Protein backbone atom coordinates (compact mmCIF):
# COMPACT_ATOMS: atom_id res chain seq x y z
CA MET A 1 -0.10 -0.11 -0.05
CA ILE A 2 1.70 3.07 -0.86
CA PHE A 3 0.71 5.82 1.04
CA ASP A 4 2.03 10.04 0.31
CA LEU A 5 2.40 11.28 4.03
CA HIS A 6 2.41 15.58 3.30
CA VAL A 7 -0.50 17.20 1.90
CA HIS A 8 -2.12 20.27 1.90
CA SER A 9 -5.83 21.68 1.41
CA LEU A 10 -7.55 24.89 0.50
CA TYR A 11 -7.39 24.73 4.16
CA SER A 12 -4.30 26.03 4.47
CA ARG A 13 -5.38 29.31 4.44
CA ARG A 14 -2.33 30.74 3.00
CA CYS A 15 -0.84 28.31 0.66
CA GLY A 16 -3.65 25.63 0.07
CA CYS A 17 -5.80 25.77 -3.23
CA MET A 18 -6.54 21.98 -3.21
CA GLN A 19 -10.35 21.12 -2.19
CA PRO A 20 -10.48 16.86 -0.05
CA ALA A 21 -12.72 15.29 -2.65
CA ASP A 22 -10.21 16.50 -5.59
CA ILE A 23 -7.07 15.17 -3.49
CA VAL A 24 -8.98 12.16 -2.58
CA LYS A 25 -9.40 11.80 -6.45
CA THR A 26 -5.58 12.44 -7.67
CA ALA A 27 -4.24 10.25 -6.09
CA THR A 28 -6.73 7.42 -6.56
CA LYS A 29 -5.73 8.05 -10.48
CA LYS A 30 -1.98 8.22 -9.67
CA GLY A 31 -2.55 4.30 -7.75
CA LEU A 32 -1.99 5.76 -4.66
CA ASP A 33 -3.50 3.92 -1.70
CA GLY A 34 -3.75 6.85 1.17
CA VAL A 35 -3.06 10.19 2.03
CA ALA A 36 -2.36 12.55 5.32
CA ILE A 37 -3.78 15.70 5.75
CA THR A 38 -1.49 17.82 6.72
CA ASP A 39 -2.65 21.37 6.80
CA HIS A 40 -1.20 24.42 8.55
CA ASN A 41 -2.77 23.84 11.76
CA THR A 42 -6.02 22.84 11.70
CA ILE A 43 -7.40 19.19 10.55
CA ALA A 44 -10.51 20.71 9.08
CA GLY A 45 -8.63 19.55 5.67
CA GLY A 46 -8.65 16.01 7.01
CA VAL A 47 -12.10 15.30 9.07
CA ARG A 48 -13.19 17.19 5.44
CA ALA A 49 -11.77 14.36 3.35
CA LYS A 50 -12.07 10.95 5.26
CA GLU A 51 -16.34 11.62 4.11
CA PHE A 52 -14.16 10.22 1.06
CA GLU A 53 -12.26 7.71 2.52
CA THR A 54 -13.47 3.94 0.24
CA GLU A 55 -12.81 0.32 1.20
CA ASP A 56 -9.53 0.88 -1.24
CA PHE A 57 -8.55 3.97 -0.07
CA ARG A 58 -7.31 5.82 3.09
CA VAL A 59 -7.60 9.28 4.41
CA ILE A 60 -4.46 10.36 7.45
CA ILE A 61 -6.41 12.41 9.35
CA GLY A 62 -3.16 15.55 10.34
CA SER A 63 -2.03 18.58 10.82
CA GLU A 64 0.88 20.12 10.67
CA VAL A 65 1.35 23.25 13.63
CA SER A 66 3.46 25.81 14.67
CA THR A 67 6.16 26.26 17.81
CA ASP A 68 7.82 28.24 18.97
CA ARG A 69 10.83 26.71 17.23
CA GLY A 70 9.02 25.69 14.08
CA GLU A 71 6.48 22.46 12.59
CA VAL A 72 5.42 19.92 14.11
CA ILE A 73 3.30 17.91 11.96
CA GLY A 74 0.93 15.42 14.16
CA LEU A 75 -0.40 12.01 12.25
CA PHE A 76 -4.33 10.58 13.06
CA LEU A 77 -5.57 12.77 14.75
CA SER A 78 -8.83 13.44 16.13
CA GLU A 79 -8.81 16.20 17.63
CA GLU A 80 -7.06 20.05 17.56
CA VAL A 81 -3.65 21.28 18.26
CA ALA A 82 -3.37 24.57 18.70
CA PRO A 83 0.01 26.32 17.72
CA GLY A 84 2.25 27.29 21.14
CA ARG A 85 5.31 25.94 22.32
CA PHE A 86 7.39 22.47 21.01
CA GLU A 87 7.21 20.56 24.04
CA ASP A 88 3.39 21.49 24.22
CA VAL A 89 2.45 21.40 21.12
CA VAL A 90 3.98 17.67 21.20
CA SER A 91 2.04 17.01 24.31
CA ALA A 92 -1.03 17.67 22.41
CA ILE A 93 -0.81 15.33 19.28
CA LYS A 94 0.68 12.75 21.84
CA ALA A 95 -2.63 13.02 23.78
CA GLN A 96 -3.87 11.58 21.64
CA ASN A 97 -1.89 9.46 20.62
CA GLY A 98 -0.96 10.72 17.71
CA PHE A 99 2.55 10.36 15.67
CA VAL A 100 4.85 12.84 16.42
CA LEU A 101 6.53 13.50 12.71
CA LEU A 102 9.04 16.95 11.54
CA PRO A 103 8.75 17.19 7.92
CA HIS A 104 11.98 18.81 6.34
CA PRO A 105 14.27 19.66 9.34
CA PHE A 106 16.98 20.90 8.41
CA ASP A 107 15.65 22.74 4.79
CA ARG A 108 18.10 26.09 4.99
CA LEU A 109 15.66 27.97 2.08
CA ARG A 110 12.41 27.46 5.16
CA SER A 111 12.27 29.69 8.61
CA THR A 112 9.49 27.56 9.56
CA ALA A 113 12.24 24.23 9.59
CA LEU A 114 12.63 22.69 12.86
CA HIS A 115 16.31 22.19 14.20
CA PRO A 116 16.26 19.07 16.06
CA ARG A 117 18.33 18.41 19.07
CA PRO A 118 19.31 15.28 20.34
CA GLU A 119 18.19 16.05 22.58
CA ASP A 120 14.02 16.42 21.65
CA VAL A 121 14.19 12.95 19.96
CA ALA A 122 12.21 11.24 22.78
CA ARG A 123 9.17 13.46 21.97
CA ILE A 124 9.51 13.00 18.34
CA ASP A 125 8.47 9.23 16.99
CA GLY A 126 9.59 10.69 13.35
CA ILE A 127 11.81 12.46 10.63
CA GLU A 128 10.83 13.56 7.15
CA GLY A 129 13.47 12.48 5.48
CA PHE A 130 13.01 12.93 2.10
CA ASN A 131 10.49 16.13 1.07
CA ALA A 132 9.82 16.70 -2.28
CA ARG A 133 10.13 20.32 -1.84
CA CYS A 134 13.57 20.63 -0.13
CA VAL A 135 15.51 22.54 -2.55
CA PHE A 136 18.62 20.71 -1.07
CA GLN A 137 19.21 17.22 -0.78
CA ALA A 138 21.43 18.24 1.08
CA ASP A 139 19.01 18.84 3.51
CA ASN A 140 17.05 16.38 3.20
CA GLN A 141 20.24 14.47 3.67
CA ALA A 142 21.22 15.59 6.96
CA ALA A 143 17.78 14.58 7.21
CA THR A 144 17.60 10.61 6.99
CA GLU A 145 20.83 10.60 8.76
CA PHE A 146 19.16 12.46 11.91
CA GLY A 147 16.58 10.18 11.62
CA LEU A 148 18.84 6.95 10.99
CA GLU A 149 21.37 7.61 14.57
CA HIS A 150 18.83 8.65 16.77
CA ASP A 151 16.55 5.35 15.65
CA LEU A 152 13.70 7.93 14.55
CA ALA A 153 10.84 6.51 11.69
CA VAL A 154 12.45 7.75 8.73
CA VAL A 155 9.52 8.10 6.17
CA ALA A 156 8.92 10.58 3.33
CA GLY A 157 6.73 12.45 1.62
CA SER A 158 5.64 15.12 -0.40
CA ASP A 159 4.57 18.75 0.74
CA ALA A 160 1.87 19.03 -1.96
CA HIS A 161 0.60 21.62 -2.62
CA PHE A 162 -1.02 21.38 -6.20
CA HIS A 163 -2.71 18.26 -7.75
CA GLY A 164 0.74 17.52 -9.39
CA GLU A 165 2.63 17.54 -7.08
CA ILE A 166 0.79 14.41 -5.35
CA GLY A 167 2.12 11.02 -4.97
CA ASN A 168 5.79 12.68 -5.39
CA ALA A 169 7.22 11.01 -2.90
CA GLY A 170 5.54 8.43 0.32
CA ILE A 171 6.40 4.98 1.86
CA LEU A 172 5.46 2.03 0.57
CA ILE A 173 4.26 -0.12 4.14
CA GLY A 174 4.19 -3.75 4.68
CA GLY A 175 1.15 -3.55 6.66
CA ASP A 176 -2.92 -2.67 6.58
CA ASP A 177 -2.60 -0.18 8.85
CA PRO A 178 -0.05 2.87 8.26
CA GLU A 179 -0.21 3.52 11.65
CA ASP A 180 1.31 -0.11 12.83
CA CYS A 181 3.68 -0.51 9.86
CA LEU A 182 5.11 3.18 10.68
CA ARG A 183 5.46 3.23 14.29
CA LEU A 184 7.13 -0.69 14.02
CA ARG A 185 9.18 0.32 10.48
CA ASP A 186 7.67 -2.07 8.24
CA PHE A 187 7.89 0.88 5.33
CA GLN A 188 10.00 1.53 1.96
CA THR A 189 10.22 5.27 1.34
CA PHE A 190 10.15 6.77 -2.32
CA GLY A 191 10.41 9.75 -3.68
CA ARG A 192 11.26 12.20 -6.70
CA ARG A 193 11.93 16.22 -6.36
CA SER A 194 9.21 18.29 -7.06
CA SER A 195 10.13 21.39 -9.96
CA LEU A 196 11.03 24.09 -8.88
CA LEU A 197 7.86 26.23 -9.97
CA ASN A 198 5.76 24.98 -8.02
CA HIS A 199 7.82 27.24 -5.04
CA CYS A 200 6.82 30.14 -7.90
CA ARG A 201 3.52 29.12 -7.92
CA SER A 202 2.88 28.34 -4.16
CA LYS A 203 4.11 32.14 -3.49
CA GLY A 204 2.79 33.78 -6.21
CA LEU A 205 -0.53 32.67 -4.11
CA ILE A 206 0.66 33.87 -0.65
CA LEU A 207 1.03 37.27 -2.38
CA CYS A 208 -2.57 37.33 -4.19
CA ARG A 209 -3.72 36.29 -1.08
CA ILE A 210 -1.96 39.03 1.12
CA ARG A 211 -2.21 41.45 -1.96
CA ASN A 212 -6.09 40.69 -1.46
CA SER A 213 -6.92 40.91 2.23
CA LEU A 214 -4.92 45.16 2.29
């Protein structure tokens, strides 16, 4: 079973544009068995996408949450997680038995990247060793090396904001339950880099929305 663990819908108000139903349709057409909807600071997109789940396609409810140190993804959530201190966000994810994942942790071009320290490892379940939107692959490599050194689940995700990016990266699991496979490390990763044009499209979308809000 193939899952993309990092997808944004229009519920990422600043930078997202995809309808949850359309994400499911696109992912299904591309041969995926499921996606994690990880909108910024809300699970609303994942909750909405869950309505289009089928016996053959799984939706994981997640959120990419802002902290004082950078972003943290929570997977398998059932309640909203409010932005705040890193420790508080992690505790809120774990309180609902969520999976704590660090997205694009060493990306030098993102101010939102959380640079983990060894003392953080006890709070983290996994790390994104390949993010398809990372421009410098050395940053993905640094994440992979950190994850392997500290015995974390090293996953991959597309960080898709547009339909063409869905499925650019993810995991191939060895069982029927993605949560169990993640926690047991029963998966393989895959990925290819997204076009730099997608970064330009995202910047344009953000600037347009900022202008419209003035």
